[in-house]
C-alpha atoms as a PDB file:
ATOM      1  CA  UNK A   1    -114.232   6.892 194.695  1.00  0.00           C
ATOM      2  CA  UNK A   2    -112.456   8.316 197.767  1.00  0.00           C
ATOM      3  CA  UNK A   3    -110.150   5.922 199.592  1.00  0.00           C
ATOM      4  CA  UNK A   4    -111.134   6.306 203.230  1.00  0.00           C
ATOM      5  CA  UNK A   5    -108.476   3.879 204.393  1.00  0.00           C
ATOM      6  CA  UNK A   6    -105.855   6.449 203.398  1.00  0.00           C
ATOM      7  CA  UNK A   7    -107.935   9.551 203.966  1.00  0.00           C
ATOM      8  CA  UNK A   8    -106.170  11.772 206.536  1.00  0.00           C
ATOM      9  CA  UNK A   9    -108.788  11.924 209.280  1.00  0.00           C
ATOM     10  CA  UNK A  10    -105.902  12.239 211.739  1.00  0.00           C
ATOM     11  CA  UNK A  11    -104.948  15.522 210.056  1.00  0.00           C
ATOM     12  CA  UNK A  12    -108.123  16.993 211.534  1.00  0.00           C
ATOM     13  CA  UNK A  13    -107.642  15.387 214.950  1.00  0.00           C
ATOM     14  CA  UNK A  14    -109.945  12.389 214.546  1.00  0.00           C
ATOM     15  CA  UNK A  15    -108.864   8.941 215.654  1.00  0.00           C
ATOM     16  CA  UNK A  16    -110.601   6.661 213.153  1.00  0.00           C
ATOM     17  CA  UNK A  17    -109.541   3.017 213.151  1.00  0.00           C
ATOM     18  CA  UNK A  18    -108.729   1.079 210.009  1.00  0.00           C
ATOM     19  CA  UNK A  19    -111.802  -1.102 210.614  1.00  0.00           C
ATOM     20  CA  UNK A  20    -114.022   1.975 210.742  1.00  0.00           C
ATOM     21  CA  UNK A  21    -112.516   3.396 207.564  1.00  0.00           C
ATOM     22  CA  UNK A  22    -113.188   0.087 205.827  1.00  0.00           C
ATOM     23  CA  UNK A  23    -116.828   0.462 206.859  1.00  0.00           C
ATOM     24  CA  UNK A  24    -116.732   3.975 205.403  1.00  0.00           C
ATOM     25  CA  UNK A  25    -115.362   2.535 202.166  1.00  0.00           C
ATOM     26  CA  UNK A  26    -118.227   0.065 201.868  1.00  0.00           C
ATOM     27  CA  UNK A  27    -120.711   2.778 202.813  1.00  0.00           C
ATOM     28  CA  UNK A  28    -119.413   5.031 200.032  1.00  0.00           C
ATOM     29  CA  UNK A  29    -119.624   2.201 197.483  1.00  0.00           C
ATOM     30  CA  UNK A  30    -123.263   1.598 198.353  1.00  0.00           C
ATOM     31  CA  UNK A  31    -124.050   5.309 198.283  1.00  0.00           C
ATOM     32  CA  UNK A  32    -122.611   5.718 194.802  1.00  0.00           C
ATOM     33  CA  UNK A  33    -124.563   2.669 193.613  1.00  0.00           C
ATOM     34  CA  UNK A  34    -127.880   3.827 195.060  1.00  0.00           C
ATOM     35  CA  UNK A  35    -127.369   7.446 194.006  1.00  0.00           C
ATOM     36  CA  UNK A  36    -128.035   6.371 190.421  1.00  0.00           C
ATOM     37  CA  UNK A  37    -131.702   5.712 191.261  1.00  0.00           C
ATOM     38  CA  UNK A  38    -132.303   7.504 194.600  1.00  0.00           C
ATOM     39  CA  UNK A  39    -131.268  11.108 195.208  1.00  0.00           C
ATOM     40  CA  UNK A  40    -129.330  10.586 198.452  1.00  0.00           C
ATOM     41  CA  UNK A  41    -126.929  13.548 198.262  1.00  0.00           C
ATOM     42  CA  UNK A  42    -126.289  16.410 195.868  1.00  0.00           C
ATOM     43  CA  UNK A  43    -124.522  15.181 192.720  1.00  0.00           C
ATOM     44  CA  UNK A  44    -122.084  18.080 193.041  1.00  0.00           C
ATOM     45  CA  UNK A  45    -120.672  16.531 196.244  1.00  0.00           C
ATOM     46  CA  UNK A  46    -120.022  13.040 194.889  1.00  0.00           C
ATOM     47  CA  UNK A  47    -116.392  13.734 194.023  1.00  0.00           C
ATOM     48  CA  UNK A  48    -115.679  14.857 197.565  1.00  0.00           C
ATOM     49  CA  UNK A  49    -117.713  12.440 199.667  1.00  0.00           C
ATOM     50  CA  UNK A  50    -114.901  11.958 202.173  1.00  0.00           C
ATOM     51  CA  UNK A  51    -114.809  15.540 203.383  1.00  0.00           C
ATOM     52  CA  UNK A  52    -118.251  16.890 202.439  1.00  0.00           C
ATOM     53  CA  UNK A  53    -120.193  14.088 204.117  1.00  0.00           C
ATOM     54  CA  UNK A  54    -118.081  11.540 206.015  1.00  0.00           C
ATOM     55  CA  UNK A  55    -115.635  13.877 207.752  1.00  0.00           C
ATOM     56  CA  UNK A  56    -118.295  16.549 208.140  1.00  0.00           C
ATOM     57  CA  UNK A  57    -120.424  14.061 210.090  1.00  0.00           C
ATOM     58  CA  UNK A  58    -117.527  12.469 211.973  1.00  0.00           C
ATOM     59  CA  UNK A  59    -116.499  15.778 213.550  1.00  0.00           C
ATOM     60  CA  UNK A  60    -119.525  15.606 215.866  1.00  0.00           C
ATOM     61  CA  UNK A  61    -117.809  12.848 217.830  1.00  0.00           C
ATOM     62  CA  UNK A  62    -115.657  15.555 219.471  1.00  0.00           C
ATOM     63  CA  UNK A  63    -118.751  16.842 221.259  1.00  0.00           C
ATOM     64  CA  UNK A  64    -119.924  13.438 222.515  1.00  0.00           C
ATOM     65  CA  UNK A  65    -117.704  12.599 225.516  1.00  0.00           C
ATOM     66  CA  UNK A  66    -119.489   9.335 226.368  1.00  0.00           C
ATOM     67  CA  UNK A  67    -120.331   6.884 223.558  1.00  0.00           C
ATOM     68  CA  UNK A  68    -122.678   4.908 225.835  1.00  0.00           C
ATOM     69  CA  UNK A  69    -125.714   6.988 224.928  1.00  0.00           C
ATOM     70  CA  UNK A  70    -129.001   6.752 223.061  1.00  0.00           C
ATOM     71  CA  UNK A  71    -129.004   8.998 219.987  1.00  0.00           C
ATOM     72  CA  UNK A  72    -131.740   9.923 217.517  1.00  0.00           C
ATOM     73  CA  UNK A  73    -130.862  11.400 214.134  1.00  0.00           C
ATOM     74  CA  UNK A  74    -133.658  13.463 212.594  1.00  0.00           C
ATOM     75  CA  UNK A  75    -134.292  13.199 208.851  1.00  0.00           C
ATOM     76  CA  UNK A  76    -131.295  10.923 208.339  1.00  0.00           C
ATOM     77  CA  UNK A  77    -131.484  10.883 204.543  1.00  0.00           C
ATOM     78  CA  UNK A  78    -128.307   9.172 203.355  1.00  0.00           C
ATOM     79  CA  UNK A  79    -127.246   8.564 206.970  1.00  0.00           C
ATOM     80  CA  UNK A  80    -125.347  11.739 207.804  1.00  0.00           C
ATOM     81  CA  UNK A  81    -124.456  12.217 210.593  1.00  0.00           C
ATOM     82  CA  UNK A  82    -126.249   9.394 212.478  1.00  0.00           C
ATOM     83  CA  UNK A  83    -124.946   6.380 210.588  1.00  0.00           C
ATOM     84  CA  UNK A  84    -121.384   7.723 210.686  1.00  0.00           C
ATOM     85  CA  UNK A  85    -121.620   8.182 214.467  1.00  0.00           C
ATOM     86  CA  UNK A  86    -122.884   4.605 214.839  1.00  0.00           C
ATOM     87  CA  UNK A  87    -119.856   3.360 212.896  1.00  0.00           C
ATOM     88  CA  UNK A  88    -117.649   5.395 215.227  1.00  0.00           C
ATOM     89  CA  UNK A  89    -118.953   3.640 218.299  1.00  0.00           C
ATOM     90  CA  UNK A  90    -122.060   5.390 219.616  1.00  0.00           C
ATOM     91  CA  UNK A  91    -123.871   2.648 221.516  1.00  0.00           C
ATOM     92  CA  UNK A  92    -127.481   3.112 220.405  1.00  0.00           C
ATOM     93  CA  UNK A  93    -128.436   5.062 217.297  1.00  0.00           C
ATOM     94  CA  UNK A  94    -131.932   5.587 215.907  1.00  0.00           C
ATOM     95  CA  UNK A  95    -132.219   6.890 212.342  1.00  0.00           C
ATOM     96  CA  UNK A  96    -135.525   8.602 211.552  1.00  0.00           C
ATOM     97  CA  UNK A  97    -136.249   8.840 207.823  1.00  0.00           C
ATOM     98  CA  UNK A  98    -139.764   9.009 206.388  1.00  0.00           C
ATOM     99  CA  UNK A  99    -138.713   8.332 202.768  1.00  0.00           C
ATOM    100  CA  UNK A 100    -139.077   4.559 202.445  1.00  0.00           C
ATOM    101  CA  UNK A 101    -136.420   4.288 199.720  1.00  0.00           C
ATOM    102  CA  UNK A 102    -133.863   6.122 201.826  1.00  0.00           C
ATOM    103  CA  UNK A 103    -134.805   4.081 204.883  1.00  0.00           C
ATOM    104  CA  UNK A 104    -134.226   0.916 202.820  1.00  0.00           C
ATOM    105  CA  UNK A 105    -130.806   2.243 201.822  1.00  0.00           C
ATOM    106  CA  UNK A 106    -129.930   2.883 205.477  1.00  0.00           C
ATOM    107  CA  UNK A 107    -130.883  -0.677 206.401  1.00  0.00           C
ATOM    108  CA  UNK A 108    -128.723  -2.072 203.595  1.00  0.00           C
ATOM    109  CA  UNK A 109    -125.702  -0.049 204.709  1.00  0.00           C
ATOM    110  CA  UNK A 110    -126.290  -1.285 208.255  1.00  0.00           C
ATOM    111  CA  UNK A 111    -126.363  -4.913 207.066  1.00  0.00           C
ATOM    112  CA  UNK A 112    -123.337  -4.549 204.791  1.00  0.00           C
ATOM    113  CA  UNK A 113    -121.140  -2.749 207.337  1.00  0.00           C
ATOM    114  CA  UNK A 114    -122.350  -4.183 210.628  1.00  0.00           C
ATOM    115  CA  UNK A 115    -123.297  -0.724 211.896  1.00  0.00           C
ATOM    116  CA  UNK A 116    -125.769  -1.128 214.743  1.00  0.00           C
ATOM    117  CA  UNK A 117    -128.697   1.184 214.091  1.00  0.00           C
ATOM    118  CA  UNK A 118    -132.477   1.131 214.302  1.00  0.00           C
ATOM    119  CA  UNK A 119    -134.188   2.676 211.287  1.00  0.00           C
ATOM    120  CA  UNK A 120    -137.598   4.305 211.739  1.00  0.00           C
ATOM    121  CA  UNK A 121    -139.346   4.938 208.409  1.00  0.00           C
ATOM    122  CA  UNK A 122    -141.744   7.449 209.957  1.00  0.00           C
ATOM    123  CA  UNK A 123    -142.095  11.195 210.314  1.00  0.00           C
ATOM    124  CA  UNK A 124    -140.361  12.567 213.387  1.00  0.00           C
ATOM    125  CA  UNK A 125    -143.664  13.660 214.937  1.00  0.00           C
ATOM    126  CA  UNK A 126    -144.972  10.083 214.633  1.00  0.00           C
ATOM    127  CA  UNK A 127    -141.890   8.495 216.214  1.00  0.00           C
ATOM    128  CA  UNK A 128    -141.598   7.508 219.881  1.00  0.00           C
ATOM    129  CA  UNK A 129    -138.160   6.783 221.353  1.00  0.00           C
ATOM    130  CA  UNK A 130    -137.919   6.812 225.136  1.00  0.00           C
ATOM    131  CA  UNK A 131    -134.944   8.037 227.116  1.00  0.00           C
ATOM    132  CA  UNK A 132    -132.919   9.893 224.506  1.00  0.00           C
ATOM    133  CA  UNK A 133    -129.600  11.461 225.474  1.00  0.00           C
ATOM    134  CA  UNK A 134    -128.741  13.201 222.208  1.00  0.00           C
ATOM    135  CA  UNK A 135    -130.578  14.405 219.107  1.00  0.00           C
ATOM    136  CA  UNK A 136    -128.731  15.235 215.881  1.00  0.00           C
ATOM    137  CA  UNK A 137    -129.700  16.758 212.541  1.00  0.00           C
ATOM    138  CA  UNK A 138    -127.902  17.961 209.425  1.00  0.00           C
ATOM    139  CA  UNK A 139    -129.393  20.045 206.600  1.00  0.00           C
ATOM    140  CA  UNK A 140    -132.949  19.234 207.621  1.00  0.00           C
ATOM    141  CA  UNK A 141    -134.947  22.279 208.752  1.00  0.00           C
ATOM    142  CA  UNK A 142    -134.652  25.724 210.368  1.00  0.00           C
ATOM    143  CA  UNK A 143    -133.537  25.644 214.003  1.00  0.00           C
ATOM    144  CA  UNK A 144    -136.933  26.733 215.353  1.00  0.00           C
ATOM    145  CA  UNK A 145    -138.524  23.714 213.670  1.00  0.00           C
ATOM    146  CA  UNK A 146    -135.783  21.329 214.798  1.00  0.00           C
ATOM    147  CA  UNK A 147    -136.427  22.371 218.390  1.00  0.00           C
ATOM    148  CA  UNK A 148    -140.127  21.546 217.996  1.00  0.00           C
ATOM    149  CA  UNK A 149    -139.137  18.071 216.795  1.00  0.00           C
ATOM    150  CA  UNK A 150    -136.628  17.637 219.621  1.00  0.00           C
ATOM    151  CA  UNK A 151    -139.198  18.733 222.184  1.00  0.00           C
ATOM    152  CA  UNK A 152    -141.670  16.105 220.958  1.00  0.00           C
ATOM    153  CA  UNK A 153    -139.036  13.352 221.061  1.00  0.00           C
ATOM    154  CA  UNK A 154    -137.514  14.323 224.389  1.00  0.00           C
ATOM    155  CA  UNK A 155    -137.979  13.038 227.896  1.00  0.00           C
ATOM    156  CA  UNK A 156    -140.311  15.043 230.159  1.00  0.00           C
ATOM    157  CA  UNK A 157    -137.420  16.579 232.099  1.00  0.00           C
ATOM    158  CA  UNK A 158    -135.616  17.568 228.875  1.00  0.00           C
ATOM    159  CA  UNK A 159    -132.378  16.003 230.110  1.00  0.00           C
ATOM    160  CA  UNK A 160    -130.931  15.716 226.623  1.00  0.00           C
ATOM    161  CA  UNK A 161    -128.662  17.654 224.292  1.00  0.00           C
ATOM    162  CA  UNK A 162    -128.866  18.452 220.598  1.00  0.00           C
ATOM    163  CA  UNK A 163    -126.085  18.695 218.038  1.00  0.00           C
ATOM    164  CA  UNK A 164    -127.372  20.534 214.984  1.00  0.00           C
ATOM    165  CA  UNK A 165    -125.219  21.330 211.950  1.00  0.00           C
ATOM    166  CA  UNK A 166    -125.929  24.761 210.505  1.00  0.00           C
ATOM    167  CA  UNK A 167    -124.639  27.130 207.830  1.00  0.00           C
ATOM    168  CA  UNK A 168    -124.203  30.814 207.134  1.00  0.00           C
ATOM    169  CA  UNK A 169    -127.666  31.742 208.468  1.00  0.00           C
ATOM    170  CA  UNK A 170    -126.906  30.401 211.948  1.00  0.00           C
ATOM    171  CA  UNK A 171    -127.287  33.753 213.727  1.00  0.00           C
ATOM    172  CA  UNK A 172    -130.596  34.462 212.015  1.00  0.00           C
ATOM    173  CA  UNK A 173    -131.910  31.007 212.910  1.00  0.00           C
ATOM    174  CA  UNK A 174    -130.845  31.424 216.532  1.00  0.00           C
ATOM    175  CA  UNK A 175    -132.654  34.766 216.785  1.00  0.00           C
ATOM    176  CA  UNK A 176    -135.880  33.237 215.456  1.00  0.00           C
ATOM    177  CA  UNK A 177    -135.615  30.199 217.712  1.00  0.00           C
ATOM    178  CA  UNK A 178    -135.104  32.346 220.825  1.00  0.00           C
ATOM    179  CA  UNK A 179    -138.489  33.982 220.263  1.00  0.00           C
ATOM    180  CA  UNK A 180    -140.173  30.688 221.134  1.00  0.00           C
ATOM    181  CA  UNK A 181    -137.617  28.761 223.173  1.00  0.00           C
ATOM    182  CA  UNK A 182    -135.248  29.138 226.103  1.00  0.00           C
ATOM    183  CA  UNK A 183    -132.049  27.127 225.767  1.00  0.00           C
ATOM    184  CA  UNK A 184    -128.319  27.041 226.381  1.00  0.00           C
ATOM    185  CA  UNK A 185    -126.189  27.009 223.256  1.00  0.00           C
ATOM    186  CA  UNK A 186    -122.513  26.453 222.470  1.00  0.00           C
ATOM    187  CA  UNK A 187    -121.412  27.407 218.954  1.00  0.00           C
ATOM    188  CA  UNK A 188    -118.499  25.541 217.400  1.00  0.00           C
ATOM    189  CA  UNK A 189    -116.809  26.080 214.050  1.00  0.00           C
ATOM    190  CA  UNK A 190    -117.083  23.305 211.479  1.00  0.00           C
ATOM    191  CA  UNK A 191    -113.741  21.909 210.321  1.00  0.00           C
ATOM    192  CA  UNK A 192    -115.031  21.269 206.800  1.00  0.00           C
ATOM    193  CA  UNK A 193    -116.812  24.536 205.994  1.00  0.00           C
ATOM    194  CA  UNK A 194    -115.799  28.092 206.872  1.00  0.00           C
ATOM    195  CA  UNK A 195    -119.463  29.097 207.083  1.00  0.00           C
ATOM    196  CA  UNK A 196    -120.543  25.949 208.911  1.00  0.00           C
ATOM    197  CA  UNK A 197    -121.395  25.870 212.602  1.00  0.00           C
ATOM    198  CA  UNK A 198    -122.198  23.126 215.080  1.00  0.00           C
ATOM    199  CA  UNK A 199    -124.788  24.085 217.687  1.00  0.00           C
ATOM    200  CA  UNK A 200    -124.760  22.175 220.969  1.00  0.00           C
ATOM    201  CA  UNK A 201    -128.082  22.916 222.626  1.00  0.00           C
ATOM    202  CA  UNK A 202    -129.274  21.947 226.105  1.00  0.00           C
ATOM    203  CA  UNK A 203    -131.771  23.032 228.771  1.00  0.00           C
ATOM    204  CA  UNK A 204    -134.565  23.446 226.226  1.00  0.00           C
ATOM    205  CA  UNK A 205    -137.848  24.870 227.492  1.00  0.00           C
ATOM    206  CA  UNK A 206    -140.688  26.594 225.713  1.00  0.00           C
ATOM    207  CA  UNK A 207    -141.502  30.216 226.393  1.00  0.00           C
ATOM    208  CA  UNK A 208    -144.935  30.924 227.839  1.00  0.00           C
END
């Protein structure tokens, strides 16, 4: 099991306290335990949980200047990135996960680590969360579909941002999304994957 207390987050420019790393340690223990009966992450990534999942999720904190926000994480699965961001101090985090077993896992991690999250075991389209500031997603759906979900969750004036983690098909997904939506996008390089990109999207409006 990776030792997060000694894992060099600082090497990548992330200030993660010892208390937070201890929460990460407990989180990883629970994940490995539950993985035996619930497919939370790919088995091929279990030997590198620290970088493939924890650090990969933690890097989003660089693009969240104010932790006093309301965040919704779409299709949270094993909790990446939403649960990690809650452990790193985001004030209000909502995890949306329709798989009841995975939602139960998320609640157990929250109890065991003290991470303050609200778990919604519903489909995104059936979830109502007022006044969101930020919407996140990782390895969930094509960008064009994520924007549909974000639009349904958003406030009427669309005064929110999205942080979506994407891979080598980022350009293709952006082209398809722009056929239906107008938006502003910043593209940032992932620190954990040469082909990975982080899309910061704002000013979302549908095309007529």
